[in-house]
N, C-alpha and C. Protein backbone atom coordinates (compact mmCIF):
# COMPACT_ATOMS: atom_id res chain seq x y z
N MET A 1 121.49 160.08 85.34
CA MET A 1 120.43 158.93 84.79
C MET A 1 120.91 157.50 84.86
N LYS A 2 121.86 157.21 84.28
CA LYS A 2 122.40 156.05 84.36
C LYS A 2 122.68 155.52 85.76
N ASN A 3 123.21 156.25 86.63
CA ASN A 3 123.28 155.74 88.15
C ASN A 3 121.89 155.40 88.59
N THR A 4 121.15 156.41 88.39
CA THR A 4 119.52 156.27 88.81
C THR A 4 119.09 154.80 88.51
N VAL A 5 119.35 154.57 87.24
CA VAL A 5 118.74 153.17 86.65
C VAL A 5 119.43 152.04 87.17
N ILE A 6 120.75 152.12 87.47
CA ILE A 6 121.67 151.13 87.95
C ILE A 6 121.20 150.96 89.41
N SER A 7 121.05 152.02 90.07
CA SER A 7 120.58 151.94 91.60
C SER A 7 119.06 151.19 91.55
N LEU A 8 118.38 151.44 90.94
CA LEU A 8 116.88 150.97 90.67
C LEU A 8 117.01 149.53 90.54
N ALA A 9 117.81 149.21 89.62
CA ALA A 9 117.69 147.75 89.18
C ALA A 9 118.60 147.18 90.20
N PHE A 10 119.60 147.42 90.92
CA PHE A 10 120.13 146.92 92.18
C PHE A 10 119.28 146.62 93.39
N LEU A 11 118.19 147.62 93.35
CA LEU A 11 117.43 147.58 94.62
C LEU A 11 116.21 146.69 94.38
N PHE A 12 115.96 146.60 92.98
CA PHE A 12 114.94 145.49 92.55
C PHE A 12 115.55 144.09 92.79
N ALA A 13 116.73 143.93 92.18
CA ALA A 13 117.31 142.68 92.41
C ALA A 13 117.33 142.28 93.83
N LEU A 14 117.91 143.10 94.63
CA LEU A 14 118.09 142.77 95.86
C LEU A 14 116.76 142.35 96.72
N SER A 15 115.82 143.22 96.34
CA SER A 15 114.43 142.97 97.12
C SER A 15 113.91 141.46 96.55
N THR A 16 114.11 141.23 95.24
CA THR A 16 113.66 140.03 94.95
C THR A 16 114.25 138.72 95.61
N VAL A 17 115.53 139.00 95.65
CA VAL A 17 116.49 137.88 96.37
C VAL A 17 115.84 137.67 97.78
N PHE A 18 115.49 138.76 98.64
CA PHE A 18 115.04 138.34 99.96
C PHE A 18 113.69 138.05 100.00
N MET A 19 112.95 138.69 99.19
CA MET A 19 111.54 138.28 99.08
C MET A 19 110.85 136.86 98.37
N GLY A 20 111.96 136.53 97.47
CA GLY A 20 111.79 135.49 96.63
C GLY A 20 111.97 134.21 97.64
N CYS A 21 112.84 134.03 98.37
CA CYS A 21 113.22 133.06 99.14
C CYS A 21 112.85 132.76 100.31
N ARG A 22 111.79 133.62 100.59
CA ARG A 22 110.99 133.49 102.13
C ARG A 22 110.30 132.21 102.19
N ASP A 23 110.52 131.50 103.14
CA ASP A 23 109.69 130.18 103.48
C ASP A 23 108.33 130.91 103.97
N GLU A 24 107.19 130.19 103.34
CA GLU A 24 105.82 130.38 103.77
C GLU A 24 105.48 129.59 104.88
N LYS A 25 104.59 130.28 105.87
CA LYS A 25 104.37 129.40 106.83
C LYS A 25 103.28 128.49 106.61
N LYS A 26 103.29 127.43 107.16
CA LYS A 26 102.45 126.55 106.89
C LYS A 26 101.24 126.33 108.03
N THR A 27 100.17 126.14 107.76
CA THR A 27 98.90 126.18 108.55
C THR A 27 98.90 124.73 109.28
N ALA A 28 98.12 124.61 110.33
CA ALA A 28 98.37 123.60 111.12
C ALA A 28 97.58 122.23 110.32
N ASP A 29 96.62 122.88 109.33
CA ASP A 29 95.93 121.77 108.32
C ASP A 29 97.05 121.23 107.49
N GLU A 30 97.98 122.11 106.90
CA GLU A 30 98.82 121.54 106.19
C GLU A 30 99.87 120.63 106.59
N LYS A 31 100.37 121.04 107.92
CA LYS A 31 101.14 120.34 108.52
C LYS A 31 100.60 118.67 108.86
N ILE A 32 99.32 118.74 109.20
CA ILE A 32 98.66 117.39 109.53
C ILE A 32 98.57 116.76 108.24
N GLU A 33 98.28 117.47 107.28
CA GLU A 33 98.12 116.65 105.99
C GLU A 33 99.44 116.21 105.35
N ASN A 34 100.44 116.70 105.45
CA ASN A 34 101.72 116.21 105.36
C ASN A 34 102.22 115.08 105.92
N ALA A 35 101.76 115.20 107.43
CA ALA A 35 102.27 114.15 108.12
C ALA A 35 101.49 112.82 107.93
N ILE A 36 100.17 113.08 107.61
CA ILE A 36 99.40 111.74 107.28
C ILE A 36 99.98 111.37 105.73
N GLU A 37 100.21 112.01 105.07
CA GLU A 37 100.87 111.63 103.58
C GLU A 37 101.96 110.93 103.98
N GLU A 38 102.89 111.30 104.83
CA GLU A 38 104.31 110.68 105.06
C GLU A 38 104.00 109.24 105.70
N VAL A 39 103.06 109.28 106.68
CA VAL A 39 102.73 107.81 107.19
C VAL A 39 102.29 107.12 106.14
N GLN A 40 101.06 107.32 105.49
CA GLN A 40 100.73 106.61 104.30
C GLN A 40 101.60 106.04 103.48
N THR A 41 102.54 106.84 102.70
CA THR A 41 103.72 106.41 102.07
C THR A 41 104.43 105.14 102.71
N GLU A 42 104.85 105.46 104.01
CA GLU A 42 105.75 104.68 104.68
C GLU A 42 105.08 103.21 104.85
N VAL A 43 103.58 103.31 105.32
CA VAL A 43 102.90 102.26 105.56
C VAL A 43 102.87 101.35 104.15
N GLU A 44 102.66 101.95 103.19
CA GLU A 44 102.46 101.42 101.96
C GLU A 44 103.90 100.70 101.32
N GLU A 45 104.95 101.28 101.72
CA GLU A 45 106.31 100.77 101.42
C GLU A 45 106.46 99.29 102.34
N ASN A 46 106.07 99.51 103.51
CA ASN A 46 106.42 98.36 104.32
C ASN A 46 105.54 97.34 104.03
N ALA A 47 104.25 97.66 103.42
CA ALA A 47 103.41 96.56 103.18
C ALA A 47 103.89 95.82 102.13
N GLU A 48 104.18 96.50 101.18
CA GLU A 48 104.94 95.70 100.07
C GLU A 48 106.36 95.10 100.24
N GLU A 49 107.09 95.55 101.09
CA GLU A 49 108.14 94.46 101.76
C GLU A 49 107.77 93.43 102.33
N VAL A 50 106.65 93.42 103.32
CA VAL A 50 106.07 92.21 103.90
C VAL A 50 105.72 91.29 102.91
N SER A 51 104.80 91.93 102.03
CA SER A 51 104.20 91.06 100.93
C SER A 51 105.36 90.18 100.12
N ASP A 52 106.48 91.04 99.80
CA ASP A 52 107.45 90.19 99.21
C ASP A 52 107.91 89.01 100.05
N ASP A 53 108.25 89.33 101.32
CA ASP A 53 108.99 88.47 102.33
C ASP A 53 107.82 87.17 102.40
N VAL A 54 106.69 87.39 102.49
CA VAL A 54 105.72 86.40 102.46
C VAL A 54 105.47 85.43 101.49
N GLU A 55 105.85 86.17 100.18
CA GLU A 55 105.92 85.46 98.85
C GLU A 55 107.21 84.70 99.00
N ASP A 56 108.36 85.15 99.30
CA ASP A 56 109.59 84.37 99.55
C ASP A 56 109.52 83.22 100.30
N ALA A 57 108.78 83.51 101.54
CA ALA A 57 108.96 82.09 102.31
C ALA A 57 107.88 81.18 101.79
N LEU A 58 106.66 81.59 101.14
CA LEU A 58 105.91 80.52 100.61
C LEU A 58 106.49 79.78 99.57
N GLU A 59 107.36 80.52 98.67
CA GLU A 59 108.20 79.62 97.75
C GLU A 59 109.09 78.78 98.23
N ASP A 60 109.73 79.15 99.42
CA ASP A 60 110.66 78.46 99.99
C ASP A 60 109.84 77.27 100.60
N VAL A 61 108.73 77.26 101.19
CA VAL A 61 107.99 75.92 101.65
C VAL A 61 107.68 75.14 100.36
N GLU A 62 107.15 75.65 99.49
CA GLU A 62 107.01 74.92 98.21
C GLU A 62 108.11 74.18 97.89
N ASP A 63 109.33 74.78 97.65
CA ASP A 63 110.49 74.00 97.32
C ASP A 63 110.83 72.92 98.36
N GLU A 64 110.72 73.12 99.84
CA GLU A 64 110.77 72.09 100.59
C GLU A 64 109.96 70.87 100.45
N ILE A 65 108.72 71.29 100.22
CA ILE A 65 107.73 70.16 99.99
C ILE A 65 107.96 69.18 98.67
N GLU A 66 108.38 70.10 97.66
CA GLU A 66 109.00 69.33 96.18
C GLU A 66 110.13 68.30 96.78
N GLU A 67 111.18 68.88 97.24
CA GLU A 67 112.31 67.92 97.75
C GLU A 67 111.85 66.82 98.61
N ALA A 68 111.07 66.97 99.60
CA ALA A 68 110.41 65.94 100.50
C ALA A 68 109.70 64.83 99.43
N LYS A 69 109.15 65.33 98.85
CA LYS A 69 108.27 64.46 97.70
C LYS A 69 109.22 63.66 96.79
N GLU A 70 110.41 64.43 96.38
CA GLU A 70 111.26 63.55 95.58
C GLU A 70 112.18 62.57 96.66
N GLU A 71 112.25 62.97 97.70
CA GLU A 71 113.34 61.86 98.65
C GLU A 71 112.14 60.84 99.00
N SER A 72 111.18 61.13 99.37
CA SER A 72 110.19 59.85 99.70
C SER A 72 109.90 58.88 98.52
N GLU A 73 110.02 59.42 97.24
CA GLU A 73 109.96 58.64 96.02
C GLU A 73 111.07 57.53 95.80
N LYS A 74 112.15 58.12 96.45
CA LYS A 74 113.41 57.50 96.03
C LYS A 74 113.45 55.90 96.68
């Protein structure tokens, strides 16, 4: 009896390992959706970087204008 219970438990554990780790196949719609989400995320991240670069450039121009004003007043 003990061997039967142990054998059944072993078979259950073994089948759980093989069936639980199986990758599910994605449909074409899911693949397209994932690709769109990835592109959207990249665009948002790049837009933030460009926005930061533009702000930095604007600050540099403002600093140069202030320096030019100070030099012209001397």
